[in-house]
Structures are given as C-alpha cells and as structure tokens.
Amino acid sequence: MHHGKHVRRLNRTSAHRKAMLRNMVSALIKHERIETTLPKAKELKKIADKMITIGKKGDFNAKRSAMAYLREHGTTIPILFDTLAPRFANRNGGYTRIQRIGQRYGDNAPMAVIEYIDGKNDLKKEFVTKQIAHALSPASGKPIPNMSVEDILAGKGEVLGGNKFQRDLKKLQNSSNAASLKTGIEAELAKLSEQMSSAKL
C-alpha cells in the first residue's frame, strides 16, 4: 500500500529517484542554480533546504551526513560548509527559490529554475534591476520623469510595477544583495544606453 508516502514518484523506481535527486542536489550546490521540470524542482527543494540545515551545524557528524548523500565531495562539501552555510547563518529557512520559466518545447512540460537565494546571480535581483533600469532609461521610450535610482530605492517609485515589485524590492533591500543592488541597476542602465547609442549608428 502507498499510505502515508507523500512524495512525487516522478515515474521512477525508488533507487532511480534517489540517485537522480542526489545528482540534482549536488549540481545545485555546485552551481547554485539549475533548470529542471517543476515537479522535480518541488521535490528537490526539500532536500536542498535540508542540506543547508546540515551545513549550518558544521560539525564532524554533519560533514559525514553530507558526504553520505552528496556527490563530488571535493567540490560540493567546501561550497556547502564554507560558502552557503555562512550566507544563511541568520536565516531560519526558505533557502531556495523556484521560478517558473514556461513550458518545454516538445512535450510541453512545465519548467522551472531552482536556486539558492541571495547569490551573485540571484534571479529576483536580475528581474528587479532590469525593471528599474527600463523604467529610468530613455531607451524605454517612456522614462519616469524626475526620478533617480536613489529615489526608487528609498521607496518613492510606487508607480513602478505595483505591489509585487515593491515586495520584491523590500526583500532585496533586506538581503545580502542590498549593497550590490544600486551597482547592478547602474550597470543595467549603462548597458541600455550603450545599446541605444549603437542602434542610432
């Protein structure tokens, strides 16, 4: 009977499913972001969060537990214990984010990106910086008048993107990415102005 076993089987035997999830969580720790189908991402999220909890313990037994599950120990173990665990030291959960990216060409499977949050290439940070840059750049055709990057970061850009945008911006300002947010927006603005000047030529 299948009572009480609340997991997605993913159309695989238990051994195949376990091996696949071990490979995926190792790849996620190594690259901090992977693309997969949505059901696989939802199953992987539980394991990826547990790995961070193990990494935050940081003792000998925690390292043995991590080595028993992860692949490529020479790469994944140092990243888990020396990079990811300190990043989430003050966070009590929610270490990963799943972002839907549409359907896969061919079989129309729902696809998603799963990533560890607050990384260098955080998807939420990329979306917010691009949205602010497009709103301020003359290349967009309708820039917001008399508005600067500092004004939007100070919370004066209510016209920009509605409630969801404001929530995402506040989350980024309270994360470890807050320091690099202004730099990212200015870099995106420079890129847009460069594209506009090359289009005129």
N, C-alpha and C. Protein backbone atom coordinates (compact mmCIF):
# COMPACT_ATOMS: atom_id res chain seq x y z
N MET A 1 0.83 -1.19 0.00
CA MET A 1 0.00 0.00 0.00
C MET A 1 0.88 1.25 0.00
N HIS A 2 0.30 2.35 -0.48
CA HIS A 2 1.04 3.62 -0.61
C HIS A 2 0.59 4.64 0.43
N HIS A 3 0.03 4.18 1.55
CA HIS A 3 -0.48 5.11 2.55
C HIS A 3 0.65 5.84 3.26
N GLY A 4 0.49 7.15 3.43
CA GLY A 4 1.44 7.94 4.21
C GLY A 4 2.72 8.28 3.48
N LYS A 5 2.86 7.89 2.22
CA LYS A 5 4.09 8.18 1.47
C LYS A 5 3.82 9.37 0.56
N HIS A 6 3.95 10.56 1.12
CA HIS A 6 3.57 11.77 0.38
C HIS A 6 4.77 12.32 -0.37
N VAL A 7 5.19 11.62 -1.39
CA VAL A 7 6.27 12.09 -2.26
C VAL A 7 5.83 11.92 -3.71
N ARG A 8 6.42 12.73 -4.57
CA ARG A 8 6.18 12.54 -6.01
C ARG A 8 7.07 11.41 -6.48
N ARG A 9 6.50 10.41 -7.12
CA ARG A 9 7.30 9.27 -7.57
C ARG A 9 8.13 9.61 -8.80
N LEU A 10 7.68 10.60 -9.58
CA LEU A 10 8.40 11.07 -10.77
C LEU A 10 8.59 9.97 -11.81
N ASN A 11 7.70 8.98 -11.80
CA ASN A 11 7.71 7.89 -12.78
C ASN A 11 9.04 7.13 -12.78
N ARG A 12 9.60 6.93 -11.59
CA ARG A 12 10.88 6.22 -11.47
C ARG A 12 10.81 5.22 -10.32
N THR A 13 11.69 4.24 -10.37
CA THR A 13 11.82 3.34 -9.23
C THR A 13 12.45 4.12 -8.07
N SER A 14 12.36 3.58 -6.87
CA SER A 14 12.88 4.32 -5.72
C SER A 14 14.38 4.55 -5.81
N ALA A 15 15.13 3.55 -6.32
CA ALA A 15 16.58 3.69 -6.44
C ALA A 15 16.94 4.76 -7.48
N HIS A 16 16.22 4.73 -8.60
CA HIS A 16 16.48 5.71 -9.67
C HIS A 16 16.13 7.12 -9.19
N ARG A 17 15.00 7.24 -8.47
CA ARG A 17 14.57 8.54 -7.96
C ARG A 17 15.59 9.11 -6.97
N LYS A 18 16.06 8.25 -6.06
CA LYS A 18 17.04 8.70 -5.06
C LYS A 18 18.34 9.13 -5.73
N ALA A 19 18.82 8.34 -6.71
CA ALA A 19 20.06 8.68 -7.41
C ALA A 19 19.92 10.00 -8.17
N MET A 20 18.77 10.19 -8.80
CA MET A 20 18.53 11.42 -9.55
C MET A 20 18.53 12.64 -8.62
N LEU A 21 17.86 12.54 -7.47
CA LEU A 21 17.81 13.66 -6.54
C LEU A 21 19.18 13.95 -5.92
N ARG A 22 19.97 12.89 -5.67
CA ARG A 22 21.33 13.10 -5.16
C ARG A 22 22.18 13.86 -6.19
N ASN A 23 22.06 13.48 -7.46
CA ASN A 23 22.80 14.18 -8.52
C ASN A 23 22.34 15.62 -8.64
N MET A 24 21.02 15.84 -8.55
CA MET A 24 20.49 17.19 -8.72
C MET A 24 20.88 18.11 -7.57
N VAL A 25 20.83 17.62 -6.32
CA VAL A 25 21.19 18.50 -5.20
C VAL A 25 22.69 18.78 -5.22
N SER A 26 23.50 17.83 -5.69
CA SER A 26 24.94 18.08 -5.83
C SER A 26 25.19 19.15 -6.88
N ALA A 27 24.47 19.07 -8.00
CA ALA A 27 24.61 20.08 -9.06
C ALA A 27 24.13 21.45 -8.57
N LEU A 28 23.06 21.46 -7.78
CA LEU A 28 22.53 22.73 -7.26
C LEU A 28 23.53 23.39 -6.31
N ILE A 29 24.16 22.61 -5.45
CA ILE A 29 25.16 23.16 -4.54
C ILE A 29 26.37 23.67 -5.33
N LYS A 30 26.75 22.94 -6.35
CA LYS A 30 27.92 23.30 -7.15
C LYS A 30 27.69 24.59 -7.95
N HIS A 31 26.51 24.71 -8.58
CA HIS A 31 26.25 25.84 -9.49
C HIS A 31 25.32 26.90 -8.89
N GLU A 32 24.66 26.60 -7.76
CA GLU A 32 23.71 27.47 -7.06
C GLU A 32 22.43 27.74 -7.85
N ARG A 33 22.30 27.20 -9.05
CA ARG A 33 21.08 27.36 -9.83
C ARG A 33 21.04 26.28 -10.91
N ILE A 34 19.91 25.58 -11.01
CA ILE A 34 19.74 24.62 -12.09
C ILE A 34 18.34 24.74 -12.68
N GLU A 35 18.20 24.28 -13.91
CA GLU A 35 16.90 24.30 -14.60
C GLU A 35 16.39 22.87 -14.70
N THR A 36 15.13 22.66 -14.34
CA THR A 36 14.55 21.32 -14.37
C THR A 36 13.03 21.46 -14.51
N THR A 37 12.32 20.33 -14.47
CA THR A 37 10.87 20.41 -14.53
C THR A 37 10.33 20.83 -13.16
N LEU A 38 9.13 21.39 -13.15
CA LEU A 38 8.55 21.92 -11.91
C LEU A 38 8.35 20.85 -10.83
N PRO A 39 7.80 19.66 -11.14
CA PRO A 39 7.66 18.64 -10.08
C PRO A 39 9.00 18.20 -9.49
N LYS A 40 10.04 18.08 -10.32
CA LYS A 40 11.37 17.72 -9.81
C LYS A 40 11.91 18.83 -8.92
N ALA A 41 11.69 20.08 -9.32
CA ALA A 41 12.17 21.22 -8.52
C ALA A 41 11.51 21.24 -7.15
N LYS A 42 10.21 20.92 -7.10
CA LYS A 42 9.49 20.92 -5.82
C LYS A 42 9.99 19.81 -4.90
N GLU A 43 10.34 18.65 -5.45
CA GLU A 43 10.92 17.58 -4.63
C GLU A 43 12.34 17.93 -4.20
N LEU A 44 13.09 18.56 -5.10
CA LEU A 44 14.47 18.91 -4.81
C LEU A 44 14.57 19.98 -3.72
N LYS A 45 13.59 20.88 -3.67
CA LYS A 45 13.59 21.98 -2.70
C LYS A 45 13.71 21.47 -1.26
N LYS A 46 12.97 20.39 -0.94
CA LYS A 46 13.01 19.84 0.43
C LYS A 46 14.42 19.38 0.78
N ILE A 47 15.05 18.66 -0.15
CA ILE A 47 16.39 18.10 0.10
C ILE A 47 17.43 19.21 0.16
N ALA A 48 17.30 20.20 -0.75
CA ALA A 48 18.27 21.30 -0.80
C ALA A 48 18.24 22.11 0.49
N ASP A 49 17.04 22.33 1.04
CA ASP A 49 16.94 23.05 2.31
C ASP A 49 17.53 22.24 3.47
N LYS A 50 17.31 20.91 3.44
CA LYS A 50 17.89 20.06 4.49
C LYS A 50 19.42 20.08 4.45
N MET A 51 19.98 20.15 3.24
CA MET A 51 21.45 20.21 3.11
C MET A 51 22.01 21.47 3.77
N ILE A 52 21.30 22.59 3.63
CA ILE A 52 21.77 23.83 4.27
C ILE A 52 21.70 23.69 5.79
N THR A 53 20.64 23.05 6.30
CA THR A 53 20.50 22.83 7.74
C THR A 53 21.67 21.98 8.26
N ILE A 54 22.03 20.96 7.50
CA ILE A 54 23.20 20.13 7.85
C ILE A 54 24.46 20.98 7.81
N GLY A 55 24.60 21.80 6.76
CA GLY A 55 25.79 22.64 6.61
C GLY A 55 25.95 23.64 7.74
N LYS A 56 24.83 24.14 8.26
CA LYS A 56 24.90 25.13 9.34
C LYS A 56 25.34 24.51 10.66
N LYS A 57 25.15 23.19 10.82
CA LYS A 57 25.64 22.53 12.05
C LYS A 57 27.16 22.56 12.06
N GLY A 58 27.77 22.25 10.92
CA GLY A 58 29.21 22.44 10.73
C GLY A 58 30.12 21.50 11.49
N ASP A 59 29.59 20.52 12.23
CA ASP A 59 30.47 19.63 12.99
C ASP A 59 30.86 18.40 12.17
N PHE A 60 31.61 17.50 12.79
CA PHE A 60 32.12 16.32 12.10
C PHE A 60 30.98 15.42 11.62
N ASN A 61 29.98 15.21 12.46
CA ASN A 61 28.86 14.35 12.08
C ASN A 61 28.06 14.94 10.93
N ALA A 62 27.94 16.27 10.91
CA ALA A 62 27.23 16.93 9.81
C ALA A 62 27.98 16.71 8.50
N LYS A 63 29.30 16.79 8.54
CA LYS A 63 30.09 16.57 7.31
C LYS A 63 29.95 15.13 6.84
N ARG A 64 29.91 14.20 7.77
CA ARG A 64 29.73 12.79 7.39
C ARG A 64 28.35 12.57 6.76
N SER A 65 27.32 13.21 7.32
CA SER A 65 25.97 13.09 6.76
C SER A 65 25.91 13.66 5.35
N ALA A 66 26.54 14.82 5.15
CA ALA A 66 26.54 15.46 3.84
C ALA A 66 27.31 14.61 2.83
N MET A 67 28.43 14.05 3.24
CA MET A 67 29.24 13.22 2.34
C MET A 67 28.51 11.93 1.97
N ALA A 68 27.67 11.44 2.87
CA ALA A 68 26.92 10.22 2.59
C ALA A 68 25.87 10.44 1.51
N TYR A 69 25.43 11.69 1.34
CA TYR A 69 24.36 11.96 0.36
C TYR A 69 24.87 12.62 -0.91
N LEU A 70 25.82 13.56 -0.79
CA LEU A 70 26.25 14.34 -1.95
C LEU A 70 27.27 13.61 -2.81
N ARG A 71 27.38 14.03 -4.04
CA ARG A 71 28.40 13.55 -4.98
C ARG A 71 29.52 14.61 -5.05
N GLU A 72 30.62 14.27 -5.70
CA GLU A 72 31.74 15.20 -5.95
C GLU A 72 32.16 15.92 -4.67
N HIS A 73 32.58 15.15 -3.68
CA HIS A 73 32.89 15.69 -2.35
C HIS A 73 33.92 16.81 -2.37
N GLY A 74 34.89 16.72 -3.26
CA GLY A 74 35.94 17.74 -3.32
C GLY A 74 35.41 19.12 -3.67
N THR A 75 34.26 19.17 -4.37
CA THR A 75 33.67 20.45 -4.76
C THR A 75 32.49 20.83 -3.88
N THR A 76 31.57 19.90 -3.68
CA THR A 76 30.30 20.24 -3.02
C THR A 76 30.45 20.49 -1.51
N ILE A 77 31.28 19.69 -0.83
CA ILE A 77 31.41 19.83 0.63
C ILE A 77 31.99 21.20 1.02
N PRO A 78 33.10 21.67 0.39
CA PRO A 78 33.58 23.02 0.75
C PRO A 78 32.58 24.12 0.44
N ILE A 79 31.85 24.01 -0.69
CA ILE A 79 30.86 25.04 -1.02
C ILE A 79 29.74 25.05 0.02
N LEU A 80 29.26 23.86 0.40
CA LEU A 80 28.17 23.77 1.36
C LEU A 80 28.55 24.35 2.71
N PHE A 81 29.72 23.95 3.24
CA PHE A 81 30.09 24.33 4.61
C PHE A 81 30.78 25.69 4.69
N ASP A 82 31.50 26.11 3.63
CA ASP A 82 32.28 27.34 3.71
C ASP A 82 31.61 28.53 3.00
N THR A 83 30.71 28.27 2.05
CA THR A 83 30.09 29.36 1.29
C THR A 83 28.61 29.51 1.62
N LEU A 84 27.84 28.42 1.46
CA LEU A 84 26.39 28.51 1.61
C LEU A 84 25.96 28.62 3.08
N ALA A 85 26.54 27.80 3.95
CA ALA A 85 26.14 27.82 5.38
C ALA A 85 26.35 29.19 6.02
N PRO A 86 27.52 29.86 5.83
CA PRO A 86 27.66 31.22 6.41
C PRO A 86 26.68 32.23 5.81
N ARG A 87 26.34 32.07 4.53
CA ARG A 87 25.40 33.01 3.89
C ARG A 87 24.03 32.98 4.56
N PHE A 88 23.62 31.78 5.03
CA PHE A 88 22.30 31.62 5.62
C PHE A 88 22.34 31.52 7.15
N ALA A 89 23.42 31.99 7.75
CA ALA A 89 23.59 31.86 9.21
C ALA A 89 22.46 32.52 9.98
N ASN A 90 21.94 33.64 9.49
CA ASN A 90 20.90 34.38 10.20
C ASN A 90 19.50 34.11 9.65
N ARG A 91 19.37 33.10 8.81
CA ARG A 91 18.07 32.78 8.21
C ARG A 91 17.62 31.42 8.73
N ASN A 92 16.34 31.31 9.09
CA ASN A 92 15.84 30.08 9.70
C ASN A 92 15.14 29.13 8.73
N GLY A 93 15.17 29.41 7.47
CA GLY A 93 14.54 28.53 6.48
C GLY A 93 14.32 29.28 5.19
N GLY A 94 13.75 28.59 4.20
CA GLY A 94 13.48 29.24 2.92
C GLY A 94 14.76 29.61 2.19
N TYR A 95 15.66 28.64 2.05
CA TYR A 95 16.96 28.92 1.45
C TYR A 95 16.92 28.87 -0.08
N THR A 96 15.87 28.26 -0.63
CA THR A 96 15.79 28.10 -2.09
C THR A 96 14.58 28.84 -2.64
N ARG A 97 14.63 29.10 -3.95
CA ARG A 97 13.52 29.75 -4.65
C ARG A 97 13.27 28.99 -5.94
N ILE A 98 11.99 28.77 -6.25
CA ILE A 98 11.60 28.15 -7.52
C ILE A 98 10.94 29.23 -8.38
N GLN A 99 11.46 29.41 -9.59
CA GLN A 99 10.91 30.39 -10.52
C GLN A 99 10.45 29.66 -11.78
N ARG A 100 9.15 29.72 -12.08
CA ARG A 100 8.64 29.08 -13.29
C ARG A 100 9.14 29.82 -14.52
N ILE A 101 9.49 29.06 -15.56
CA ILE A 101 10.02 29.69 -16.78
C ILE A 101 9.28 29.23 -18.03
N GLY A 102 8.05 28.73 -17.86
CA GLY A 102 7.25 28.37 -19.03
C GLY A 102 7.26 26.87 -19.32
N GLN A 103 6.88 26.53 -20.54
CA GLN A 103 6.73 25.13 -20.93
C GLN A 103 7.92 24.70 -21.81
N ARG A 104 8.28 23.42 -21.73
CA ARG A 104 9.38 22.89 -22.53
C ARG A 104 8.89 22.59 -23.94
N TYR A 105 9.68 22.99 -24.91
CA TYR A 105 9.34 22.69 -26.30
C TYR A 105 9.46 21.18 -26.52
N GLY A 106 8.45 20.58 -27.11
CA GLY A 106 8.49 19.14 -27.37
C GLY A 106 7.41 18.41 -26.62
N ASP A 107 7.49 18.40 -25.29
CA ASP A 107 6.47 17.67 -24.51
C ASP A 107 5.63 18.61 -23.64
N ASN A 108 5.87 19.92 -23.72
CA ASN A 108 5.07 20.92 -23.01
C ASN A 108 5.13 20.77 -21.49
N ALA A 109 6.21 20.18 -20.97
CA ALA A 109 6.37 20.01 -19.52
C ALA A 109 6.62 21.37 -18.87
N PRO A 110 6.01 21.64 -17.70
CA PRO A 110 6.27 22.91 -17.01
C PRO A 110 7.71 22.94 -16.49
N MET A 111 8.44 23.99 -16.85
CA MET A 111 9.85 24.10 -16.47
C MET A 111 10.04 25.15 -15.38
N ALA A 112 11.12 25.01 -14.63
CA ALA A 112 11.39 25.94 -13.54
C ALA A 112 12.89 26.03 -13.31
N VAL A 113 13.30 27.14 -12.72
CA VAL A 113 14.67 27.31 -12.24
C VAL A 113 14.61 27.25 -10.72
N ILE A 114 15.45 26.42 -10.12
CA ILE A 114 15.57 26.38 -8.67
C ILE A 114 16.97 26.89 -8.32
N GLU A 115 17.04 27.77 -7.32
CA GLU A 115 18.32 28.39 -6.96
C GLU A 115 18.38 28.65 -5.47
N TYR A 116 19.62 28.74 -4.95
CA TYR A 116 19.82 29.23 -3.59
C TYR A 116 19.75 30.74 -3.62
N ILE A 117 18.95 31.34 -2.74
CA ILE A 117 18.71 32.78 -2.80
C ILE A 117 19.93 33.56 -2.32
N ASP A 118 19.92 34.86 -2.62
CA ASP A 118 20.95 35.82 -2.19
C ASP A 118 22.32 35.53 -2.77
N GLY A 119 22.37 34.82 -3.90
CA GLY A 119 23.65 34.57 -4.56
C GLY A 119 24.04 35.72 -5.47
N LYS A 120 25.20 35.58 -6.12
CA LYS A 120 25.67 36.64 -7.02
C LYS A 120 24.72 36.84 -8.19
N ASN A 121 24.15 35.74 -8.70
CA ASN A 121 23.27 35.81 -9.87
C ASN A 121 21.82 35.51 -9.48
N ASP A 122 21.36 36.12 -8.40
CA ASP A 122 20.00 35.91 -7.92
C ASP A 122 18.99 36.35 -8.97
N LEU A 123 18.04 35.47 -9.32
CA LEU A 123 17.05 35.78 -10.35
C LEU A 123 16.17 36.97 -9.98
N LYS A 124 15.75 37.04 -8.72
CA LYS A 124 14.89 38.15 -8.28
C LYS A 124 15.63 39.47 -8.42
N LYS A 125 16.93 39.46 -8.08
CA LYS A 125 17.73 40.67 -8.23
C LYS A 125 17.83 41.08 -9.70
N GLU A 126 18.04 40.09 -10.58
CA GLU A 126 18.12 40.39 -12.02
C GLU A 126 16.83 41.00 -12.54
N PHE A 127 15.68 40.42 -12.15
CA PHE A 127 14.40 40.93 -12.62
C PHE A 127 14.15 42.36 -12.12
N VAL A 128 14.43 42.61 -10.84
CA VAL A 128 14.17 43.93 -10.25
C VAL A 128 15.10 44.98 -10.86
N THR A 129 16.39 44.67 -11.02
CA THR A 129 17.32 45.65 -11.59
C THR A 129 16.95 45.98 -13.03
N LYS A 130 16.55 44.97 -13.81
CA LYS A 130 16.14 45.23 -15.20
C LYS A 130 14.88 46.08 -15.25
N GLN A 131 13.94 45.81 -14.35
CA GLN A 131 12.69 46.56 -14.34
C GLN A 131 12.94 48.03 -13.99
N ILE A 132 13.79 48.29 -13.00
CA ILE A 132 14.11 49.66 -12.61
C ILE A 132 14.87 50.37 -13.73
N ALA A 133 15.85 49.67 -14.32
CA ALA A 133 16.65 50.27 -15.39
C ALA A 133 15.78 50.63 -16.59
N HIS A 134 14.84 49.76 -16.97
CA HIS A 134 13.96 50.05 -18.10
C HIS A 134 13.03 51.22 -17.79
N ALA A 135 12.63 51.34 -16.53
CA ALA A 135 11.74 52.44 -16.16
C ALA A 135 12.46 53.78 -16.17
N LEU A 136 13.77 53.79 -15.89
CA LEU A 136 14.53 55.04 -15.81
C LEU A 136 15.24 55.40 -17.10
N SER A 137 15.46 54.44 -17.98
CA SER A 137 16.26 54.66 -19.18
C SER A 137 15.46 55.37 -20.28
N PRO A 138 16.06 56.34 -20.95
CA PRO A 138 15.40 56.96 -22.10
C PRO A 138 15.18 55.97 -23.24
N ALA A 139 15.95 54.87 -23.24
CA ALA A 139 15.81 53.85 -24.29
C ALA A 139 14.46 53.16 -24.24
N SER A 140 13.80 53.20 -23.07
CA SER A 140 12.49 52.56 -22.94
C SER A 140 11.39 53.34 -23.65
N GLY A 141 11.68 54.60 -24.00
CA GLY A 141 10.67 55.41 -24.69
C GLY A 141 9.85 56.26 -23.75
N LYS A 142 9.53 55.74 -22.55
CA LYS A 142 8.73 56.48 -21.56
C LYS A 142 9.40 56.41 -20.19
N PRO A 143 10.55 57.09 -20.03
CA PRO A 143 11.19 57.06 -18.70
C PRO A 143 10.37 57.83 -17.68
N ILE A 144 10.47 57.41 -16.41
CA ILE A 144 9.76 58.12 -15.34
C ILE A 144 10.46 59.47 -15.13
N PRO A 145 9.73 60.59 -15.23
CA PRO A 145 10.38 61.90 -15.11
C PRO A 145 10.81 62.20 -13.67
N ASN A 146 11.94 62.92 -13.55
CA ASN A 146 12.45 63.41 -12.26
C ASN A 146 12.58 62.30 -11.22
N MET A 147 13.04 61.14 -11.64
CA MET A 147 13.20 60.01 -10.72
C MET A 147 14.60 59.43 -10.89
N SER A 148 15.28 59.18 -9.79
CA SER A 148 16.63 58.60 -9.84
C SER A 148 16.62 57.22 -9.20
N VAL A 149 17.75 56.55 -9.30
CA VAL A 149 17.89 55.22 -8.69
C VAL A 149 17.71 55.33 -7.17
N GLU A 150 18.29 56.37 -6.57
CA GLU A 150 18.19 56.56 -5.12
C GLU A 150 16.74 56.76 -4.68
N ASP A 151 15.96 57.49 -5.50
CA ASP A 151 14.55 57.72 -5.17
C ASP A 151 13.77 56.40 -5.13
N ILE A 152 14.01 55.56 -6.14
CA ILE A 152 13.29 54.27 -6.20
C ILE A 152 13.72 53.37 -5.05
N LEU A 153 15.01 53.34 -4.74
CA LEU A 153 15.49 52.51 -3.63
C LEU A 153 15.00 53.04 -2.29
N ALA A 154 14.68 54.34 -2.23
CA ALA A 154 14.14 54.93 -0.99
C ALA A 154 12.64 54.71 -0.86
N GLY A 155 12.02 54.08 -1.88
CA GLY A 155 10.60 53.75 -1.79
C GLY A 155 9.67 54.74 -2.46
N LYS A 156 10.22 55.62 -3.31
CA LYS A 156 9.37 56.62 -3.96
C LYS A 156 8.84 56.16 -5.32
N GLY A 157 9.22 54.98 -5.75
CA GLY A 157 8.79 54.52 -7.08
C GLY A 157 7.55 53.67 -7.04
N GLU A 158 6.48 54.16 -6.38
CA GLU A 158 5.25 53.38 -6.25
C GLU A 158 4.61 53.08 -7.61
N VAL A 159 4.87 53.95 -8.58
CA VAL A 159 4.27 53.76 -9.91
C VAL A 159 4.89 52.58 -10.65
N LEU A 160 5.97 52.07 -10.11
CA LEU A 160 6.74 51.05 -10.81
C LEU A 160 6.29 49.65 -10.41
N GLY A 161 5.61 48.95 -11.27
CA GLY A 161 5.35 47.53 -11.09
C GLY A 161 4.34 47.10 -10.06
N GLY A 162 3.75 47.99 -9.28
CA GLY A 162 2.71 47.60 -8.34
C GLY A 162 3.23 46.95 -7.07
N ASN A 163 2.34 46.23 -6.37
CA ASN A 163 2.65 45.66 -5.05
C ASN A 163 3.72 44.59 -5.10
N LYS A 164 3.67 43.73 -6.14
CA LYS A 164 4.65 42.64 -6.23
C LYS A 164 6.06 43.19 -6.36
N PHE A 165 6.22 44.22 -7.20
CA PHE A 165 7.53 44.84 -7.37
C PHE A 165 8.02 45.43 -6.06
N GLN A 166 7.14 46.13 -5.34
CA GLN A 166 7.53 46.75 -4.07
C GLN A 166 7.95 45.69 -3.05
N ARG A 167 7.22 44.55 -3.03
CA ARG A 167 7.58 43.44 -2.12
C ARG A 167 8.96 42.89 -2.46
N ASP A 168 9.18 42.64 -3.76
CA ASP A 168 10.47 42.09 -4.20
C ASP A 168 11.61 43.05 -3.88
N LEU A 169 11.37 44.34 -4.09
CA LEU A 169 12.41 45.34 -3.81
C LEU A 169 12.75 45.38 -2.31
N LYS A 170 11.73 45.31 -1.45
CA LYS A 170 11.97 45.31 0.00
C LYS A 170 12.74 44.06 0.43
N LYS A 171 12.38 42.90 -0.17
CA LYS A 171 13.10 41.67 0.16
C LYS A 171 14.58 41.79 -0.21
N LEU A 172 14.85 42.37 -1.38
CA LEU A 172 16.24 42.53 -1.81
C LEU A 172 16.99 43.52 -0.92
N GLN A 173 16.31 44.57 -0.49
CA GLN A 173 16.97 45.56 0.36
C GLN A 173 17.28 45.00 1.75
N ASN A 174 16.55 43.97 2.16
CA ASN A 174 16.81 43.34 3.46
C ASN A 174 17.71 42.12 3.36
N SER A 175 18.19 41.82 2.15
CA SER A 175 19.02 40.62 1.95
C SER A 175 20.49 41.03 1.84
N SER A 176 21.34 40.03 1.63
CA SER A 176 22.78 40.31 1.48
C SER A 176 23.10 40.97 0.14
N ASN A 177 22.12 41.01 -0.78
CA ASN A 177 22.32 41.65 -2.08
C ASN A 177 22.08 43.15 -2.05
N ALA A 178 21.70 43.71 -0.90
CA ALA A 178 21.33 45.13 -0.82
C ALA A 178 22.48 46.03 -1.27
N ALA A 179 23.72 45.68 -0.91
CA ALA A 179 24.86 46.54 -1.23
C ALA A 179 25.10 46.61 -2.73
N SER A 180 24.87 45.50 -3.43
CA SER A 180 25.16 45.47 -4.87
C SER A 180 23.97 45.84 -5.73
N LEU A 181 22.83 46.18 -5.11
CA LEU A 181 21.62 46.47 -5.87
C LEU A 181 21.77 47.73 -6.72
N LYS A 182 22.26 48.81 -6.10
CA LYS A 182 22.44 50.07 -6.83
C LYS A 182 23.45 49.91 -7.96
N THR A 183 24.54 49.19 -7.69
CA THR A 183 25.56 48.96 -8.71
C THR A 183 24.99 48.19 -9.89
N GLY A 184 24.15 47.18 -9.59
CA GLY A 184 23.52 46.38 -10.64
C GLY A 184 22.59 47.20 -11.51
N ILE A 185 21.83 48.11 -10.88
CA ILE A 185 20.90 48.97 -11.64
C ILE A 185 21.69 49.91 -12.54
N GLU A 186 22.75 50.50 -12.00
CA GLU A 186 23.56 51.44 -12.79
C GLU A 186 24.25 50.72 -13.95
N ALA A 187 24.69 49.48 -13.73
CA ALA A 187 25.29 48.71 -14.82
C ALA A 187 24.27 48.40 -15.91
N GLU A 188 23.05 48.08 -15.51
CA GLU A 188 21.98 47.80 -16.47
C GLU A 188 21.61 49.05 -17.25
N LEU A 189 21.59 50.21 -16.57
CA LEU A 189 21.32 51.49 -17.24
C LEU A 189 22.39 51.81 -18.28
N ALA A 190 23.66 51.55 -17.91
CA ALA A 190 24.77 51.79 -18.84
C ALA A 190 24.66 50.89 -20.06
N LYS A 191 24.25 49.64 -19.83
CA LYS A 191 24.08 48.71 -20.93
C LYS A 191 22.98 49.15 -21.88
N LEU A 192 21.87 49.65 -21.32
CA LEU A 192 20.74 50.11 -22.14
C LEU A 192 21.12 51.35 -22.95
N SER A 193 21.84 52.28 -22.34
CA SER A 193 22.25 53.49 -23.06
C SER A 193 23.25 53.15 -24.16
N GLU A 194 24.11 52.17 -23.90
CA GLU A 194 25.06 51.72 -24.92
C GLU A 194 24.33 51.09 -26.11
N GLN A 195 23.30 50.29 -25.81
CA GLN A 195 22.51 49.69 -26.88
C GLN A 195 21.78 50.76 -27.70
N MET A 196 21.29 51.80 -27.02
CA MET A 196 20.57 52.86 -27.70
C MET A 196 21.51 53.64 -28.61
N SER A 197 22.73 53.93 -28.13
CA SER A 197 23.69 54.68 -28.95
C SER A 197 24.17 53.87 -30.14
N SER A 198 24.34 52.55 -29.97
CA SER A 198 24.75 51.70 -31.10
C SER A 198 23.62 51.53 -32.10
N ALA A 199 22.35 51.59 -31.65
CA ALA A 199 21.22 51.49 -32.56
C ALA A 199 21.10 52.75 -33.42
N LYS A 200 21.48 53.91 -32.86
CA LYS A 200 21.43 55.16 -33.62
C LYS A 200 22.46 55.17 -34.74
N LEU A 201 23.59 54.49 -34.50
CA LEU A 201 24.65 54.45 -35.52
C LEU A 201 24.23 53.51 -36.62
